[in-house]
Amino acid sequence: MKIGLYFGSFNPVHVGHLIIANHFLNETDLEKVWFIVSPHNPLKNEKGLLNEFHRLQLVRLATEDDNRIKVSDIEFSLPKPSYTINTLAYLTEKNPEHEFCIIMGSDSFQNIDKWKNYEAIIKNYPVYVYPRPGFEISNPIKADLKIVTAPLLEISATLIRNNIRSGKSVRYLLPDKVLEEIEKGGYYKK
């Protein structure tokens, strides 16, 4: 089975993430998308990151009604910080029947040469990239790249967290179940 791995902090997961996953399932040869919730991305500041188990639960709530999407906590049991190459090696070893590829925005692809062992990643895994405003897609590293034009939504987890802190509405930016859980848990208020 061909599976797209969608890595992220998902702090929190929002409708933009879900629209991208759905679009890739509809418009590419991917049969499933696995959301890989990262406890700590080594290229991002850990400050302001909601507890990894809460973020995992929010992604599960957001995707529970779509059997084409799986949520994975695999990086929770791997050494931290989370390096994509380690996760890919583990998943490939444990699931030899699957073909894995990576889903990412053009903003992340611009920085892939800063990732640990990025050469091994691009040599062994196709990269499916969706354009993000302000981030050109060029491929000087000669990755096996598939560019997938996806709906352009300028929704960010940062905007959502800031709106929650400011007491502004985030309705329609999050699935209802995710919004309810955030409100119930008091997440992102501080």
Foldseek 3Di string as FASTA:
>chain_A
DEEEEEEDQCLPPWVVVVQVQVLCCVPHPHQAYEYENFQDDPVDDNPQRDGSVLRQVLVCQQCVVPPRYHYDPVNVPPDPPDAPVVVVVVCCVVCVVYAYAYEEELVVVVCLVVGVPSVVNQVRHEYEYEYEPPRDDDCPVPGNYHYDHGDHDPDDSVVVLVCLLVVHDCPPGHPPVSVVSCVVVVRSND
